[in-house]
C-alpha atoms as a PDB file:
ATOM      1  CA  MET A   1     111.402  35.945 -96.642  1.00  0.00           C
ATOM      2  CA  THR A   2     111.046  38.994 -99.033  1.00  0.00           C
ATOM      3  CA  GLY A   3     107.119  37.342 -99.520  1.00  0.00           C
ATOM      4  CA  TRP A   4     106.901  37.118 -95.984  1.00  0.00           C
ATOM      5  CA  ARG A   5     108.165  40.333 -95.640  1.00  0.00           C
ATOM      6  CA  ILE A   6     105.274  42.070 -97.904  1.00  0.00           C
ATOM      7  CA  SER A   7     102.568  40.011 -96.022  1.00  0.00           C
ATOM      8  CA  GLY A   8     103.848  40.850 -93.081  1.00  0.00           C
ATOM      9  CA  GLY A   9     103.520  44.693 -94.463  1.00  0.00           C
ATOM     10  CA  ARG A  10      99.793  44.911 -95.509  1.00  0.00           C
ATOM     11  CA  PHE A  11      99.519  43.114 -92.042  1.00  0.00           C
ATOM     12  CA  SER A  12     100.870  46.097 -90.426  1.00  0.00           C
ATOM     13  CA  ALA A  13      99.590  48.551 -92.488  1.00  0.00           C
ATOM     14  CA  ARG A  14      95.434  46.430 -91.720  1.00  0.00           C
ATOM     15  CA  LEU A  15      96.616  46.578 -88.061  1.00  0.00           C
ATOM     16  CA  LYS A  16      97.346  50.678 -88.144  1.00  0.00           C
ATOM     17  CA  ALA A  17      93.894  51.588 -90.392  1.00  0.00           C
ATOM     18  CA  ALA A  18      92.064  49.645 -88.093  1.00  0.00           C
ATOM     19  CA  PRO A  19      91.842  52.221 -85.272  1.00  0.00           C
ATOM     20  CA  ARG A  20      91.139  54.911 -87.407  1.00  0.00           C
ATOM     21  CA  ALA A  21      88.296  53.172 -88.697  1.00  0.00           C
ATOM     22  CA  ALA A  22      87.044  52.351 -85.325  1.00  0.00           C
ATOM     23  CA  ALA A  23      87.010  56.230 -84.487  1.00  0.00           C
ATOM     24  CA  ILE A  24      85.644  57.017 -87.861  1.00  0.00           C
ATOM     25  CA  GLY A  25      82.828  54.242 -86.918  1.00  0.00           C
ATOM     26  CA  ILE A  26      82.365  55.924 -83.180  1.00  0.00           C
ATOM     27  CA  ALA A  27      81.858  59.354 -84.085  1.00  0.00           C
ATOM     28  CA  VAL A  28      79.414  58.354 -87.489  1.00  0.00           C
ATOM     29  CA  ALA A  29      77.615  56.840 -84.269  1.00  0.00           C
ATOM     30  CA  VAL A  30      77.926  59.448 -82.426  1.00  0.00           C
ATOM     31  CA  VAL A  31      76.547  61.830 -84.408  1.00  0.00           C
ATOM     32  CA  VAL A  32      73.539  59.491 -85.812  1.00  0.00           C
ATOM     33  CA  VAL A  33      72.664  59.054 -81.305  1.00  0.00           C
ATOM     34  CA  ALA A  34      72.591  63.215 -81.077  1.00  0.00           C
ATOM     35  CA  ALA A  35      70.739  63.833 -84.081  1.00  0.00           C
ATOM     36  CA  LEU A  36      67.741  61.474 -82.347  1.00  0.00           C
ATOM     37  CA  VAL A  37      67.825  62.478 -79.203  1.00  0.00           C
ATOM     38  CA  SER A  38      67.599  66.390 -80.414  1.00  0.00           C
ATOM     39  CA  ALA A  39      64.664  65.056 -82.598  1.00  0.00           C
ATOM     40  CA  LEU A  40      63.104  63.626 -79.664  1.00  0.00           C
ATOM     41  CA  VAL A  41      63.277  66.480 -77.531  1.00  0.00           C
ATOM     42  CA  ALA A  42      62.549  68.862 -79.490  1.00  0.00           C
ATOM     43  CA  PRO A  43      59.042  70.407 -79.551  1.00  0.00           C
ATOM     44  CA  GLY A  44      55.988  68.547 -81.109  1.00  0.00           C
ATOM     45  CA  GLY A  45      58.636  65.164 -80.558  1.00  0.00           C
ATOM     46  CA  GLY A  46      57.431  62.359 -78.644  1.00  0.00           C
ATOM     47  CA  GLY A  47      56.675  59.829 -81.065  1.00  0.00           C
ATOM     48  CA  ASP A  48      53.863  60.950 -82.344  1.00  0.00           C
ATOM     49  CA  GLY A  49      54.941  60.941 -85.861  1.00  0.00           C
ATOM     50  CA  THR A  50      56.365  64.478 -85.969  1.00  0.00           C
ATOM     51  CA  ALA A  51      60.021  63.682 -86.182  1.00  0.00           C
ATOM     52  CA  ALA A  52      58.948  62.120 -89.300  1.00  0.00           C
ATOM     53  CA  ALA A  53      57.258  64.555 -90.738  1.00  0.00           C
ATOM     54  CA  ALA A  54      60.759  66.461 -89.597  1.00  0.00           C
ATOM     55  CA  SER A  55      63.241  64.056 -91.052  1.00  0.00           C
ATOM     56  CA  GLY A  56      60.869  63.529 -94.733  1.00  0.00           C
ATOM     57  CA  LYS A  57      61.069  67.791 -94.833  1.00  0.00           C
ATOM     58  CA  ASN A  58      64.808  67.125 -94.309  1.00  0.00           C
ATOM     59  CA  LEU A  59      64.890  65.394 -97.704  1.00  0.00           C
ATOM     60  CA  GLY A  60      64.388  68.085-100.107  1.00  0.00           C
ATOM     61  CA  GLN A  61      61.134  69.875 -98.910  1.00  0.00           C
ATOM     62  CA  THR A  62      60.860  73.356 -98.647  1.00  0.00           C
ATOM     63  CA  GLY A  63      58.410  75.780 -96.809  1.00  0.00           C
ATOM     64  CA  SER A  64      58.618  75.988 -93.414  1.00  0.00           C
ATOM     65  CA  ALA A  65      61.022  75.440 -90.710  1.00  0.00           C
ATOM     66  CA  THR A  66      57.777  74.124 -88.893  1.00  0.00           C
ATOM     67  CA  PRO A  67      56.430  70.440 -90.592  1.00  0.00           C
ATOM     68  CA  HIS A  68      52.655  70.070 -91.060  1.00  0.00           C
ATOM     69  CA  SER A  69      50.816  67.048 -88.994  1.00  0.00           C
ATOM     70  CA  PRO A  70      50.347  64.458 -91.239  1.00  0.00           C
ATOM     71  CA  SER A  71      47.101  64.204 -90.022  1.00  0.00           C
ATOM     72  CA  ALA A  72      46.112  67.816 -90.596  1.00  0.00           C
ATOM     73  CA  ALA A  73      43.403  68.541 -93.126  1.00  0.00           C
ATOM     74  CA  PRO A  74      41.994  71.877 -94.584  1.00  0.00           C
ATOM     75  CA  THR A  75      39.221  73.904 -92.537  1.00  0.00           C
ATOM     76  CA  VAL A  76      35.782  73.487 -94.131  1.00  0.00           C
ATOM     77  CA  THR A  77      33.457  76.151 -93.775  1.00  0.00           C
ATOM     78  CA  PRO A  78      29.818  75.151 -92.832  1.00  0.00           C
ATOM     79  CA  THR A  79      27.378  75.548 -95.897  1.00  0.00           C
ATOM     80  CA  SER A  80      23.831  76.805 -95.139  1.00  0.00           C
ATOM     81  CA  ALA A  81      22.638  73.321 -94.994  1.00  0.00           C
ATOM     82  CA  THR A  82      24.738  72.806 -91.638  1.00  0.00           C
ATOM     83  CA  PRO A  83      24.851  76.043 -89.529  1.00  0.00           C
ATOM     84  CA  ALA A  84      26.489  76.363 -86.719  1.00  0.00           C
ATOM     85  CA  VAL A  85      23.346  78.180 -84.812  1.00  0.00           C
ATOM     86  CA  PRO A  86      21.105  76.654 -82.066  1.00  0.00           C
ATOM     87  CA  PRO A  87      17.671  75.880 -83.179  1.00  0.00           C
ATOM     88  CA  VAL A  88      14.699  77.677 -82.317  1.00  0.00           C
ATOM     89  CA  PRO A  89      11.200  77.420 -81.958  1.00  0.00           C
ATOM     90  CA  ALA A  90       9.049  76.422 -85.085  1.00  0.00           C
ATOM     91  CA  SER A  91       6.140  78.107 -83.740  1.00  0.00           C
ATOM     92  CA  ILE A  92       5.057  81.058 -85.953  1.00  0.00           C
ATOM     93  CA  GLN A  93       5.962  84.191 -84.037  1.00  0.00           C
ATOM     94  CA  HIS A  94       3.872  87.882 -83.821  1.00  0.00           C
ATOM     95  CA  ALA A  95       5.188  89.291 -79.958  1.00  0.00           C
ATOM     96  CA  THR A  96       7.988  91.532 -79.479  1.00  0.00           C
ATOM     97  CA  GLU A  97      11.355  90.613 -77.590  1.00  0.00           C
ATOM     98  CA  SER A  98      10.640  93.982 -74.884  1.00  0.00           C
ATOM     99  CA  GLY A  99       6.933  92.798 -74.163  1.00  0.00           C
ATOM    100  CA  GLY A 100       4.458  95.698 -72.833  1.00  0.00           C
ATOM    101  CA  LYS A 101       3.284  98.479 -75.604  1.00  0.00           C
ATOM    102  CA  ALA A 102       5.036  97.811 -78.281  1.00  0.00           C
ATOM    103  CA  VAL A 103       4.945  96.786 -81.983  1.00  0.00           C
ATOM    104  CA  ASN A 104       7.457  95.310 -84.480  1.00  0.00           C
ATOM    105  CA  ILE A 105       8.137  96.890 -87.648  1.00  0.00           C
ATOM    106  CA  THR A 106       8.940  94.727 -90.444  1.00  0.00           C
ATOM    107  CA  ILE A 107       9.603  95.590 -94.171  1.00  0.00           C
ATOM    108  CA  ASP A 108       9.525  92.912 -96.763  1.00  0.00           C
ATOM    109  CA  ASP A 109      10.756  92.333-100.856  1.00  0.00           C
ATOM    110  CA  GLY A 110      14.110  94.365-100.613  1.00  0.00           C
ATOM    111  CA  PRO A 111      16.235  95.445-100.562  1.00  0.00           C
ATOM    112  CA  ASP A 112      15.887  97.599-103.310  1.00  0.00           C
ATOM    113  CA  PRO A 113      18.082 100.255-104.350  1.00  0.00           C
ATOM    114  CA  ILE A 114      15.339 103.243-104.653  1.00  0.00           C
ATOM    115  CA  TRP A 115      13.204 102.551-102.018  1.00  0.00           C
ATOM    116  CA  THR A 116      15.282 100.538 -99.019  1.00  0.00           C
ATOM    117  CA  PRO A 117      17.488 103.418 -98.593  1.00  0.00           C
ATOM    118  CA  LYS A 118      14.427 105.975 -98.654  1.00  0.00           C
ATOM    119  CA  VAL A 119      12.850 103.945 -95.716  1.00  0.00           C
ATOM    120  CA  LEU A 120      15.713 103.241 -93.911  1.00  0.00           C
ATOM    121  CA  ASP A 121      15.952 107.453 -93.610  1.00  0.00           C
ATOM    122  CA  VAL A 122      12.624 107.695 -92.589  1.00  0.00           C
ATOM    123  CA  LEU A 123      13.549 104.408 -89.633  1.00  0.00           C
ATOM    124  CA  LYS A 124      16.757 106.603 -88.531  1.00  0.00           C
ATOM    125  CA  LYS A 125      15.007 110.260 -88.275  1.00  0.00           C
ATOM    126  CA  HIS A 126      12.461 108.332 -85.881  1.00  0.00           C
ATOM    127  CA  HIS A 127      15.504 106.057 -84.317  1.00  0.00           C
ATOM    128  CA  VAL A 128      13.377 103.005 -84.982  1.00  0.00           C
ATOM    129  CA  HIS A 129      14.659  99.178 -85.740  1.00  0.00           C
ATOM    130  CA  ALA A 130      13.201  97.330 -87.954  1.00  0.00           C
ATOM    131  CA  THR A 131      13.320  94.030 -89.291  1.00  0.00           C
ATOM    132  CA  PHE A 132      13.820  93.434 -93.122  1.00  0.00           C
ATOM    133  CA  CYS A 133      12.327  90.264 -94.814  1.00  0.00           C
ATOM    134  CA  MET A 134      14.358  89.612 -98.112  1.00  0.00           C
ATOM    135  CA  ILE A 135      14.096  88.085-101.381  1.00  0.00           C
ATOM    136  CA  GLY A 136      17.357  85.980-101.955  1.00  0.00           C
ATOM    137  CA  PRO A 137      18.150  87.489-105.488  1.00  0.00           C
ATOM    138  CA  GLN A 138      17.508  91.217-104.499  1.00  0.00           C
ATOM    139  CA  ALA A 139      20.117  90.997-101.410  1.00  0.00           C
ATOM    140  CA  GLN A 140      22.875  89.230-103.628  1.00  0.00           C
ATOM    141  CA  ALA A 141      22.045  92.239-105.753  1.00  0.00           C
ATOM    142  CA  ASN A 142      22.338  95.005-103.545  1.00  0.00           C
ATOM    143  CA  PRO A 143      25.287  93.705-101.024  1.00  0.00           C
ATOM    144  CA  ALA A 144      25.864  97.401 -99.706  1.00  0.00           C
ATOM    145  CA  LEU A 145      22.450  97.913 -99.176  1.00  0.00           C
ATOM    146  CA  VAL A 146      22.311  94.731 -96.632  1.00  0.00           C
ATOM    147  CA  ARG A 147      25.297  95.589 -95.271  1.00  0.00           C
ATOM    148  CA  ARG A 148      24.043  99.245 -94.646  1.00  0.00           C
ATOM    149  CA  VAL A 149      20.824  97.258 -93.138  1.00  0.00           C
ATOM    150  CA  VAL A 150      22.778  95.461 -90.634  1.00  0.00           C
ATOM    151  CA  ALA A 151      25.061  98.614 -89.945  1.00  0.00           C
ATOM    152  CA  GLU A 152      22.217 100.142 -88.741  1.00  0.00           C
ATOM    153  CA  GLY A 153      20.792  97.914 -86.317  1.00  0.00           C
ATOM    154  CA  HIS A 154      18.355  96.310 -87.893  1.00  0.00           C
ATOM    155  CA  ARG A 155      17.638  92.421 -88.434  1.00  0.00           C
ATOM    156  CA  LEU A 156      17.608  90.181 -91.044  1.00  0.00           C
ATOM    157  CA  CYS A 157      14.829  87.959 -92.235  1.00  0.00           C
ATOM    158  CA  ASP A 158      14.901  85.364 -94.881  1.00  0.00           C
ATOM    159  CA  HIS A 159      11.983  85.587 -97.388  1.00  0.00           C
ATOM    160  CA  THR A 160      12.522  83.161 -99.760  1.00  0.00           C
ATOM    161  CA  VAL A 161      14.324  82.842-103.288  1.00  0.00           C
ATOM    162  CA  HIS A 162      11.092  83.389-106.039  1.00  0.00           C
ATOM    163  CA  HIS A 163       8.382  84.952-103.449  1.00  0.00           C
ATOM    164  CA  ASP A 164       6.161  81.951-104.161  1.00  0.00           C
ATOM    165  CA  GLU A 165       3.085  82.421-102.539  1.00  0.00           C
ATOM    166  CA  ALA A 166       2.122  78.664-103.579  1.00  0.00           C
ATOM    167  CA  MET A 167       4.784  77.429-101.896  1.00  0.00           C
ATOM    168  CA  ASP A 168       2.570  75.594 -99.277  1.00  0.00           C
ATOM    169  CA  HIS A 169       1.583  73.265-101.887  1.00  0.00           C
ATOM    170  CA  LYS A 170       4.638  71.900-103.644  1.00  0.00           C
ATOM    171  CA  PRO A 171       7.134  69.625-102.383  1.00  0.00           C
ATOM    172  CA  PHE A 172       9.386  69.794 -99.557  1.00  0.00           C
ATOM    173  CA  ALA A 173      12.128  69.835-101.652  1.00  0.00           C
ATOM    174  CA  TYR A 174      10.952  72.929-103.295  1.00  0.00           C
ATOM    175  CA  GLN A 175      10.625  74.629-100.491  1.00  0.00           C
ATOM    176  CA  GLN A 176      13.814  73.548 -98.612  1.00  0.00           C
ATOM    177  CA  LYS A 177      15.619  74.945-102.159  1.00  0.00           C
ATOM    178  CA  GLU A 178      13.921  78.159-101.606  1.00  0.00           C
ATOM    179  CA  ILE A 179      14.726  78.944 -97.778  1.00  0.00           C
ATOM    180  CA  LEU A 180      18.306  77.813 -97.946  1.00  0.00           C
ATOM    181  CA  ASP A 181      18.943  79.054-101.215  1.00  0.00           C
ATOM    182  CA  ALA A 182      18.147  82.243-100.002  1.00  0.00           C
ATOM    183  CA  TYR A 183      19.474  82.113 -96.415  1.00  0.00           C
ATOM    184  CA  ALA A 184      23.060  81.557 -97.862  1.00  0.00           C
ATOM    185  CA  MET A 185      22.187  84.766-100.133  1.00  0.00           C
ATOM    186  CA  ILE A 186      21.474  86.843 -97.307  1.00  0.00           C
ATOM    187  CA  GLU A 187      23.880  85.911 -95.042  1.00  0.00           C
ATOM    188  CA  GLN A 188      26.496  85.948 -97.663  1.00  0.00           C
ATOM    189  CA  ALA A 189      25.881  89.422 -98.991  1.00  0.00           C
ATOM    190  CA  SER A 190      25.238  91.024 -95.415  1.00  0.00           C
ATOM    191  CA  GLY A 191      28.966  89.489 -94.818  1.00  0.00           C
ATOM    192  CA  GLY A 192      28.100  87.306 -92.063  1.00  0.00           C
ATOM    193  CA  ALA A 193      25.388  88.714 -90.491  1.00  0.00           C
ATOM    194  CA  PRO A 194      22.693  86.469 -88.490  1.00  0.00           C
ATOM    195  CA  VAL A 195      19.756  85.973 -90.248  1.00  0.00           C
ATOM    196  CA  ARG A 196      17.232  85.306 -87.473  1.00  0.00           C
ATOM    197  CA  TYR A 197      13.645  84.835 -89.153  1.00  0.00           C
ATOM    198  CA  TYR A 198      11.842  82.979 -91.610  1.00  0.00           C
ATOM    199  CA  ARG A 199       8.601  84.437 -93.486  1.00  0.00           C
ATOM    200  CA  ALA A 200       7.250  82.289 -95.642  1.00  0.00           C
ATOM    201  CA  PRO A 201       5.646  84.536 -99.017  1.00  0.00           C
ATOM    202  CA  GLY A 202       1.622  85.413 -97.986  1.00  0.00           C
ATOM    203  CA  GLY A 203       1.988  83.133 -95.067  1.00  0.00           C
ATOM    204  CA  ALA A 204       2.209  79.972 -96.971  1.00  0.00           C
ATOM    205  CA  PHE A 205       4.221  78.052 -94.259  1.00  0.00           C
ATOM    206  CA  THR A 206       4.151  74.181 -93.990  1.00  0.00           C
ATOM    207  CA  PRO A 207       5.021  72.405 -90.535  1.00  0.00           C
ATOM    208  CA  ALA A 208       8.378  70.933 -92.511  1.00  0.00           C
ATOM    209  CA  SER A 209       9.326  74.616 -94.077  1.00  0.00           C
ATOM    210  CA  ARG A 210       9.134  75.880 -90.167  1.00  0.00           C
ATOM    211  CA  GLU A 211      10.703  72.924 -88.332  1.00  0.00           C
ATOM    212  CA  LEU A 212      13.267  73.604 -91.719  1.00  0.00           C
ATOM    213  CA  ALA A 213      13.876  77.389 -90.637  1.00  0.00           C
ATOM    214  CA  ALA A 214      13.559  76.814 -87.139  1.00  0.00           C
ATOM    215  CA  GLN A 215      16.439  74.313 -87.386  1.00  0.00           C
ATOM    216  CA  HIS A 216      18.653  76.964 -88.768  1.00  0.00           C
ATOM    217  CA  GLY A 217      18.138  79.362 -85.914  1.00  0.00           C
ATOM    218  CA  MET A 218      14.856  81.489 -87.645  1.00  0.00           C
ATOM    219  CA  ARG A 219      11.977  81.932 -86.336  1.00  0.00           C
ATOM    220  CA  PRO A 220       9.352  81.722 -88.178  1.00  0.00           C
ATOM    221  CA  LEU A 221       7.612  85.225 -88.562  1.00  0.00           C
ATOM    222  CA  GLY A 222       4.083  85.968 -89.601  1.00  0.00           C
ATOM    223  CA  TRP A 223       2.312  89.676 -88.943  1.00  0.00           C
ATOM    224  CA  ASN A 224      -0.667  91.116 -87.236  1.00  0.00           C
ATOM    225  CA  VAL A 225      -1.321  94.158 -89.478  1.00  0.00           C
ATOM    226  CA  ASP A 226      -1.253  94.218 -93.032  1.00  0.00           C
ATOM    227  CA  THR A 227      -1.093  98.040 -94.140  1.00  0.00           C
ATOM    228  CA  LYS A 228      -1.879  96.510 -98.282  1.00  0.00           C
ATOM    229  CA  ASP A 229       0.809  99.174 -98.792  1.00  0.00           C
ATOM    230  CA  PHE A 230       1.425  96.384-101.636  1.00  0.00           C
ATOM    231  CA  SER A 231      -1.570  97.392-103.885  1.00  0.00           C
ATOM    232  CA  ARG A 232      -0.639 101.324-103.245  1.00  0.00           C
ATOM    233  CA  PRO A 233      -4.004 102.069-102.064  1.00  0.00           C
ATOM    234  CA  GLY A 234      -2.787 105.455-101.154  1.00  0.00           C
ATOM    235  CA  VAL A 235      -0.875 106.929 -98.081  1.00  0.00           C
ATOM    236  CA  GLY A 236      -3.853 107.525 -95.899  1.00  0.00           C
ATOM    237  CA  ALA A 237      -5.349 104.242 -96.344  1.00  0.00           C
ATOM    238  CA  ILE A 238      -2.305 103.059 -95.563  1.00  0.00           C
ATOM    239  CA  VAL A 239      -1.771 105.079 -92.484  1.00  0.00           C
ATOM    240  CA  GLY A 240      -5.481 104.157 -91.241  1.00  0.00           C
ATOM    241  CA  THR A 241      -5.613 100.580 -91.820  1.00  0.00           C
ATOM    242  CA  VAL A 242      -2.567 100.898 -88.680  1.00  0.00           C
ATOM    243  CA  LYS A 243      -4.934 102.998 -86.853  1.00  0.00           C
ATOM    244  CA  ALA A 244      -7.799 100.169 -87.469  1.00  0.00           C
ATOM    245  CA  GLU A 245      -5.808  97.131 -87.022  1.00  0.00           C
ATOM    246  CA  ILE A 246      -2.927  97.675 -83.943  1.00  0.00           C
ATOM    247  CA  HIS A 247      -5.357  95.996 -81.583  1.00  0.00           C
ATOM    248  CA  ASN A 248      -4.601  92.606 -83.842  1.00  0.00           C
ATOM    249  CA  GLY A 249      -1.425  92.512 -82.425  1.00  0.00           C
ATOM    250  CA  PRO A 250       1.886  94.210 -82.589  1.00  0.00           C
ATOM    251  CA  THR A 251       3.748  93.268 -85.729  1.00  0.00           C
ATOM    252  CA  ILE A 252       3.146  95.375 -88.828  1.00  0.00           C
ATOM    253  CA  LEU A 253       3.610  94.796 -92.339  1.00  0.00           C
ATOM    254  CA  PHE A 254       4.608  97.337 -94.830  1.00  0.00           C
ATOM    255  CA  HIS A 255       6.633  96.424 -98.107  1.00  0.00           C
ATOM    256  CA  ASP A 256      10.754  98.396 -99.679  1.00  0.00           C
ATOM    257  CA  GLY A 257      10.153  95.900-102.444  1.00  0.00           C
ATOM    258  CA  GLY A 258       8.253  94.955-105.716  1.00  0.00           C
ATOM    259  CA  GLY A 259       7.457  98.050-107.487  1.00  0.00           C
ATOM    260  CA  ASN A 260       6.603 101.926-106.608  1.00  0.00           C
ATOM    261  CA  ARG A 261       6.988 102.320-102.740  1.00  0.00           C
ATOM    262  CA  SER A 262       6.756 106.028-102.537  1.00  0.00           C
ATOM    263  CA  GLN A 263       3.500 105.805-100.766  1.00  0.00           C
ATOM    264  CA  THR A 264       4.676 103.418 -98.461  1.00  0.00           C
ATOM    265  CA  VAL A 265       7.623 105.948 -97.655  1.00  0.00           C
ATOM    266  CA  GLU A 266       5.570 108.687 -96.909  1.00  0.00           C
ATOM    267  CA  ALA A 267       3.329 106.270 -94.739  1.00  0.00           C
ATOM    268  CA  LEU A 268       5.738 104.561 -92.658  1.00  0.00           C
ATOM    269  CA  ASP A 269       7.137 108.312 -91.960  1.00  0.00           C
ATOM    270  CA  GLN A 270       3.605 109.188 -90.677  1.00  0.00           C
ATOM    271  CA  THR A 271       2.854 106.308 -88.680  1.00  0.00           C
ATOM    272  CA  LEU A 272       6.068 106.290 -86.579  1.00  0.00           C
ATOM    273  CA  THR A 273       5.046 109.708 -85.849  1.00  0.00           C
ATOM    274  CA  TRP A 274       1.567 108.332 -84.732  1.00  0.00           C
ATOM    275  CA  LEU A 275       2.752 105.366 -82.874  1.00  0.00           C
ATOM    276  CA  ALA A 276       4.962 107.654 -80.964  1.00  0.00           C
ATOM    277  CA  GLN A 277       2.044 110.260 -80.138  1.00  0.00           C
ATOM    278  CA  GLN A 278       0.169 106.688 -78.868  1.00  0.00           C
ATOM    279  CA  HIS A 279       3.270 105.966 -76.486  1.00  0.00           C
ATOM    280  CA  TYR A 280       4.361 102.389 -78.419  1.00  0.00           C
ATOM    281  CA  ALA A 281       7.885 101.678 -78.508  1.00  0.00           C
ATOM    282  CA  THR A 282       9.578  99.632 -81.245  1.00  0.00           C
ATOM    283  CA  SER A 283      11.470  96.428 -80.788  1.00  0.00           C
ATOM    284  CA  PHE A 284      12.215  93.013 -82.955  1.00  0.00           C
ATOM    285  CA  PRO A 285      10.234  89.589 -83.203  1.00  0.00           C
ATOM    286  CA  LYS A 286      11.014  87.642 -80.024  1.00  0.00           C
ATOM    287  CA  VAL A 287      13.414  84.554 -81.414  1.00  0.00           C
ATOM    288  CA  ASP A 288      13.315  82.131 -78.238  1.00  0.00           C
END
């Protein structure tokens, strides 16, 4: 009988413990269900993997309370080889955007820390905007000047890396590097301003290089009046060339780089005065 009582006591204890265990089990189940419902109805829930990411973050991860989607990837900035700009025509442009009696003032081979500021001062004096065809390393070395050019309302043009006037006789891969490396240098120096034109050194265009530039949003840019200021023929000769050749077309070529440009600065001042007296407006080369 004593053995039975002991056994019966154990049985009775088990009966008393059963409701408590059941209650604990039910409570745990309720908590789990509540957590699942909360995850499903929370913002970002709905079975797309966000709830799973949240569970992972709860397992010891630190940081923001909002989990990142596991499919998210870092944003990649396009390089100059894959520009986010629409292509333009590949033919060589000479015309003005404005049409009518107007000219395009174009300035090559800078920026130069001595002469480009002086050229900019002359342009500001006459309320004229110009297109600056820049050498890539020159732009890279003088970013403040490039940004001043942009801030004062002028436009940018790619004039290659090494100003190789024989590049049209070299492989396309070489031409591509000359153009796109300069494009990247100028764009970076400017703080992201558009580079709207490409002028081949010495006019050394090829069909392939023109197409490459056009696909990167740069209109190939020619000229109609070469002032020959690069050879320093004298202020009078530079101005005289403009007067004698303006009938050739509207795009006039000056230089702010490549040497002493004191004659260019004075000749540009006199040329802009004469053009205004002849009732010429100034414009930018047409892009489209």
